[in-house]
Every structure is written in structure tokens, then in C-alpha cells.
């Protein structure tokens, strides 16, 4: 099952105030980037983020879920209605992640 356009647009709107947020469509789902870092994704009408230390602290009761078969578990964001919470969560997750690797020039 792919993510519905309406759910994607809802999450996109909820994150719209964050500068540096970007989305990439991939096989019916969406990868979520913040300041060039992959922080999570939208899979099967679920918003999932990487299980960083900050994410675990901000969402201690969050469930681990697989975005797709064979992937690493991610944390389910169940408080998607709160823009304030998401504005705190996404930068915190990104801060815990390493800088993206520079792409090699051909």
C-alpha cells in the first residue's frame, strides 16, 4: 500500500514552517529531508523518523515500526497534529545524525 496523496499533503503542511525541509517521492512513499539529512519518511500513511537519542527522549512511548520489508526499524510519530512538536522533533533528529557524505565528482 502506498501513501495517499492527502496524507502526504497533510504532513507536508504540518512541516511547512521548517526551513530546510524537503521531500523526495520514492516508489509511492516519501523520504523526508531536513537540512540535507534524511530524518525519516512517510510510509503507508505513517510518519516515521530515525530512532535517534533525541527522538527517543521526545517520544519515549513511540512504537518501532518497519517502513518496508527489509528496512531498519523507525519510530512512529503519533503526534502529527502538533506543528509545535514536529518543529522540535525534526531538528532534534537531524542534529543527532552525521553530516551527509559528499557526492563524488565523476
C-alpha atoms as a PDB file:
ATOM      1  CA  UNK A   1       0.000   0.000   0.000  1.00  0.00           C
ATOM      2  CA  UNK A   2       1.391   3.399  -0.957  1.00  0.00           C
ATOM      3  CA  UNK A   3       0.922   6.616   0.962  1.00  0.00           C
ATOM      4  CA  UNK A   4      -2.180   8.557  -0.040  1.00  0.00           C
ATOM      5  CA  UNK A   5      -1.729  11.978  -1.587  1.00  0.00           C
ATOM      6  CA  UNK A   6      -3.938  13.512   1.112  1.00  0.00           C
ATOM      7  CA  UNK A   7      -1.780  12.119   3.966  1.00  0.00           C
ATOM      8  CA  UNK A   8       1.408  13.286   2.259  1.00  0.00           C
ATOM      9  CA  UNK A   9      -0.061  16.770   1.781  1.00  0.00           C
ATOM     10  CA  UNK A  10      -1.140  16.847   5.451  1.00  0.00           C
ATOM     11  CA  UNK A  11       2.383  16.016   6.688  1.00  0.00           C
ATOM     12  CA  UNK A  12       3.890  18.409   4.166  1.00  0.00           C
ATOM     13  CA  UNK A  13       1.655  21.185   5.521  1.00  0.00           C
ATOM     14  CA  UNK A  14       2.466  20.308   9.144  1.00  0.00           C
ATOM     15  CA  UNK A  15       6.204  20.651   8.395  1.00  0.00           C
ATOM     16  CA  UNK A  16       5.900  23.661   6.075  1.00  0.00           C
ATOM     17  CA  UNK A  17       7.194  26.181   8.613  1.00  0.00           C
ATOM     18  CA  UNK A  18      10.536  24.391   8.954  1.00  0.00           C
ATOM     19  CA  UNK A  19      13.197  25.937   6.744  1.00  0.00           C
ATOM     20  CA  UNK A  20      15.290  23.245   5.130  1.00  0.00           C
ATOM     21  CA  UNK A  21      12.528  20.620   4.907  1.00  0.00           C
ATOM     22  CA  UNK A  22      12.318  18.672   1.654  1.00  0.00           C
ATOM     23  CA  UNK A  23      10.590  15.553   0.349  1.00  0.00           C
ATOM     24  CA  UNK A  24      11.515  13.045  -2.331  1.00  0.00           C
ATOM     25  CA  UNK A  25       8.947  10.682  -3.795  1.00  0.00           C
ATOM     26  CA  UNK A  26      10.178   7.119  -3.985  1.00  0.00           C
ATOM     27  CA  UNK A  27       8.060   4.151  -5.109  1.00  0.00           C
ATOM     28  CA  UNK A  28       4.788   5.542  -3.746  1.00  0.00           C
ATOM     29  CA  UNK A  29       6.336   6.709  -0.486  1.00  0.00           C
ATOM     30  CA  UNK A  30       8.241   9.851   0.542  1.00  0.00           C
ATOM     31  CA  UNK A  31      11.673  10.389   2.066  1.00  0.00           C
ATOM     32  CA  UNK A  32      11.839  13.385   4.437  1.00  0.00           C
ATOM     33  CA  UNK A  33      14.984  15.519   4.483  1.00  0.00           C
ATOM     34  CA  UNK A  34      15.918  18.299   6.876  1.00  0.00           C
ATOM     35  CA  UNK A  35      18.940  20.444   6.029  1.00  0.00           C
ATOM     36  CA  UNK A  36      20.180  17.767   3.640  1.00  0.00           C
ATOM     37  CA  UNK A  37      19.848  14.884   6.116  1.00  0.00           C
ATOM     38  CA  UNK A  38      17.381  12.018   5.840  1.00  0.00           C
ATOM     39  CA  UNK A  39      15.386  12.276   9.074  1.00  0.00           C
ATOM     40  CA  UNK A  40      12.537   9.923   8.211  1.00  0.00           C
ATOM     41  CA  UNK A  41       9.833   9.154   5.756  1.00  0.00           C
ATOM     42  CA  UNK A  42       6.163   8.766   5.042  1.00  0.00           C
ATOM     43  CA  UNK A  43       5.300   5.099   4.516  1.00  0.00           C
ATOM     44  CA  UNK A  44       1.817   3.593   4.156  1.00  0.00           C
ATOM     45  CA  UNK A  45       0.194   6.712   5.636  1.00  0.00           C
ATOM     46  CA  UNK A  46       2.563   6.672   8.629  1.00  0.00           C
ATOM     47  CA  UNK A  47       5.159   9.309   9.503  1.00  0.00           C
ATOM     48  CA  UNK A  48       8.316   7.557  10.732  1.00  0.00           C
ATOM     49  CA  UNK A  49      11.598   9.073  11.927  1.00  0.00           C
ATOM     50  CA  UNK A  50      15.019   7.625  12.578  1.00  0.00           C
ATOM     51  CA  UNK A  51      15.373   6.339  16.162  1.00  0.00           C
ATOM     52  CA  UNK A  52      17.991   8.831  17.363  1.00  0.00           C
ATOM     53  CA  UNK A  53      18.585   9.553  21.046  1.00  0.00           C
ATOM     54  CA  UNK A  54      16.674  12.841  20.780  1.00  0.00           C
ATOM     55  CA  UNK A  55      13.712  11.156  19.086  1.00  0.00           C
ATOM     56  CA  UNK A  56      13.589   8.510  21.820  1.00  0.00           C
ATOM     57  CA  UNK A  57      13.666  11.207  24.533  1.00  0.00           C
ATOM     58  CA  UNK A  58      10.940  13.278  22.863  1.00  0.00           C
ATOM     59  CA  UNK A  59       8.779  10.195  22.181  1.00  0.00           C
ATOM     60  CA  UNK A  60       9.551   7.686  24.974  1.00  0.00           C
ATOM     61  CA  UNK A  61       6.377   5.678  24.273  1.00  0.00           C
ATOM     62  CA  UNK A  62       6.813   5.603  20.484  1.00  0.00           C
ATOM     63  CA  UNK A  63       6.428   2.289  18.725  1.00  0.00           C
ATOM     64  CA  UNK A  64       9.110   0.889  16.461  1.00  0.00           C
ATOM     65  CA  UNK A  65       7.814   0.025  13.005  1.00  0.00           C
ATOM     66  CA  UNK A  66       9.272  -1.180   9.748  1.00  0.00           C
ATOM     67  CA  UNK A  67       8.857   1.312   6.915  1.00  0.00           C
ATOM     68  CA  UNK A  68       9.024  -1.574   4.418  1.00  0.00           C
ATOM     69  CA  UNK A  69      10.221  -5.170   4.278  1.00  0.00           C
ATOM     70  CA  UNK A  70      13.962  -5.466   4.900  1.00  0.00           C
ATOM     71  CA  UNK A  71      14.425  -1.942   6.282  1.00  0.00           C
ATOM     72  CA  UNK A  72      15.657  -0.881   9.707  1.00  0.00           C
ATOM     73  CA  UNK A  73      13.021  -0.079  12.298  1.00  0.00           C
ATOM     74  CA  UNK A  74      11.995   3.534  12.731  1.00  0.00           C
ATOM     75  CA  UNK A  75       9.893   5.383  15.309  1.00  0.00           C
ATOM     76  CA  UNK A  76       6.228   6.065  14.595  1.00  0.00           C
ATOM     77  CA  UNK A  77       5.321   9.729  15.114  1.00  0.00           C
ATOM     78  CA  UNK A  78       1.817   9.651  16.557  1.00  0.00           C
ATOM     79  CA  UNK A  79       1.600  13.356  17.419  1.00  0.00           C
ATOM     80  CA  UNK A  80       1.473  14.597  13.816  1.00  0.00           C
ATOM     81  CA  UNK A  81      -1.325  17.057  14.647  1.00  0.00           C
ATOM     82  CA  UNK A  82       1.050  19.263  16.668  1.00  0.00           C
ATOM     83  CA  UNK A  83       3.145  21.556  14.487  1.00  0.00           C
ATOM     84  CA  UNK A  84       4.994  22.737  17.603  1.00  0.00           C
ATOM     85  CA  UNK A  85       6.030  19.192  18.489  1.00  0.00           C
ATOM     86  CA  UNK A  86       7.138  18.439  14.921  1.00  0.00           C
ATOM     87  CA  UNK A  87       9.110  21.717  14.810  1.00  0.00           C
ATOM     88  CA  UNK A  88      11.026  20.471  17.862  1.00  0.00           C
ATOM     89  CA  UNK A  89      11.336  16.823  16.795  1.00  0.00           C
ATOM     90  CA  UNK A  90      12.681  17.179  13.243  1.00  0.00           C
ATOM     91  CA  UNK A  91      15.642  19.492  14.027  1.00  0.00           C
ATOM     92  CA  UNK A  92      16.488  17.344  17.080  1.00  0.00           C
ATOM     93  CA  UNK A  93      16.596  14.174  14.964  1.00  0.00           C
ATOM     94  CA  UNK A  94      18.750  15.921  12.345  1.00  0.00           C
ATOM     95  CA  UNK A  95      21.163  17.202  14.997  1.00  0.00           C
ATOM     96  CA  UNK A  96      21.855  13.617  16.099  1.00  0.00           C
ATOM     97  CA  UNK A  97      22.675  12.449  12.571  1.00  0.00           C
ATOM     98  CA  UNK A  98      26.079  12.657  10.868  1.00  0.00           C
ATOM     99  CA  UNK A  99      26.629  15.113   8.068  1.00  0.00           C
ATOM    100  CA  UNK A 100      25.730  13.690   4.655  1.00  0.00           C
ATOM    101  CA  UNK A 101      28.659  12.295   2.708  1.00  0.00           C
ATOM    102  CA  UNK A 102      29.894  14.447  -0.135  1.00  0.00           C
ATOM    103  CA  UNK A 103      28.979  13.063  -3.525  1.00  0.00           C
ATOM    104  CA  UNK A 104      31.916  12.016  -5.649  1.00  0.00           C
ATOM    105  CA  UNK A 105      32.510  14.002  -8.811  1.00  0.00           C
ATOM    106  CA  UNK A 106      32.589  11.970 -11.988  1.00  0.00           C
END
